[in-house]
Amino acid sequence: MTSRDTTAAGASLRLDNALIFDGHSAELREGSILVRDGVILQVGEVDASADRIIDARGGVAVPGLIDAHFHAYGTSLDLLELQSSTLSYVALSAANRLRGALQRGFTTVRDVAGGDAGLAKALREGLLLGPRYLYTGAALSQTGGHGDSHPGDRNLCAHGGDHVTEVVDGVEALRKVVRKRFRSGAHAIKILASGGVVSPTDPLRNPQYSADEIAAVTDEARRRGSYVAAHAYSCEAVVHAVTNGVRTIEHGNLLDRPTADLMREHDAFLVPTLAAYDAMDRRGAELGMAEVSRRKNREVLESGKHAIEIARAAGVQIGFGTDLMGALEDEQLEGLRLQSEADGILNTLRSATSVNAAIIGRDDLGVIRVGAQGDVVLFAGNPFEDASLLWDRHSDRTIVQAGSVVAGPYT
């Protein structure tokens, strides 16, 4: 690839001689992409000049990637340690995690357990370098549920704050919290509807929250024009969540075909997070992950890929997420490798672009077309021929966000 000119703030950018994956079609289109004022103006035959021109030399351009299960505030695998950390430390750590995600090609992330209006504002104003940022605030957990970090043999009266999870019980209390979240700018609401891997005291498969409690949360979100995402592993938990109005199932590793059929009937999405289980299996012990958590992780590790195959056969729309906590955040690209092994390169790229855009309700993201946001990842080669380009940390990739080159050889 070669480049000429420099990119000034608000200037136009043209990518020439690219093979273009539009986020949907299996057919790559040869041509150029013109971005002005952050928006794609022309695709294919481009008849206008630009302030900066990059020659792709036959490399593949894909829409900016979207991670639909990201944790900016997920600074530790130990929930108790995380909840006792000061918010200033967590936020500074989040800045590094967000910058790393953008440099890998994720121009948008959905933070489904954490984040707040201050972090989002800092990103919008350019105080931090990072992806477009959609947050839910702390995930909602019942007492004794996945988000309740209190060990069973200790009574903890205080901690640093509800950075990633908040314990809220009861219909009226949940309604009030959900209303406050939307008042503060939350994109959606996250609930914890089953046990989890890193939580110390709750069984993995048990459904959590009552039907009335989940229905209250989804009712508030729906009337706000938003939706609810639910952490859920088992079929019982998935059924409990979906039949009470949940729109996206996070993880879903223990899915079976009847449950997948039910998800399709309710137009629910599956957001797999294979990167987390693989990374915890390989690196959990050295990072001090508790044995009970490592044991639960092994239970869901292999079933995760099978769940994707079941969901695909049932016609469920499948997104892409990573769910990486603590030092494991550098494994983000491995999620693309793992999901492609279960679902193929084309489906995986669709999941990380146009399907995730549908999940977050943004038809101007996850696609390369006129009128879409100018978010592009330009590879020096063709990942449809050499899939490792997607997850090789050292592969030559240029990241364009809203028409500005923010990472890669031409920054």
Foldseek 3Di string as FASTA:
>chain_A
DDKDAADDVQWKEKEFQEFEDFLDDPHTATTMWIFGQQFTADTHDDDDDTRMYHYLNHFYKFFQFEAAEDALQQAALQLQVSQQDAPVVSLVSSLVLFQLCQQLRHQEYEHAFADFLVSQVCCVVVVGDGHNYAYAYHAEFAVQAQNNQDDPVDDDDDGNHRGGYDHFDDLVRLLVVLVVSVVRPHLAHEYEQAHALQRDGGDGADGGDQLNNLLSRQVSQVVVVHFYEYAHAALVSLCSNLVSGHAEYEANLHDDQVSLLSNVVSLHAYEHALLALVCCQVCVVVSPRDPSSVVVSVVRNVSRLVSVVSNVVSVHQYAYHHNHHHPSSSSGLVSLVVNCVSPNNSSSLSRRAVSSCVNSVHNLTSGRDGGHGPWMKTFSHYCNVVVCLSRDPPGAIFTAGSRHTDYGDND
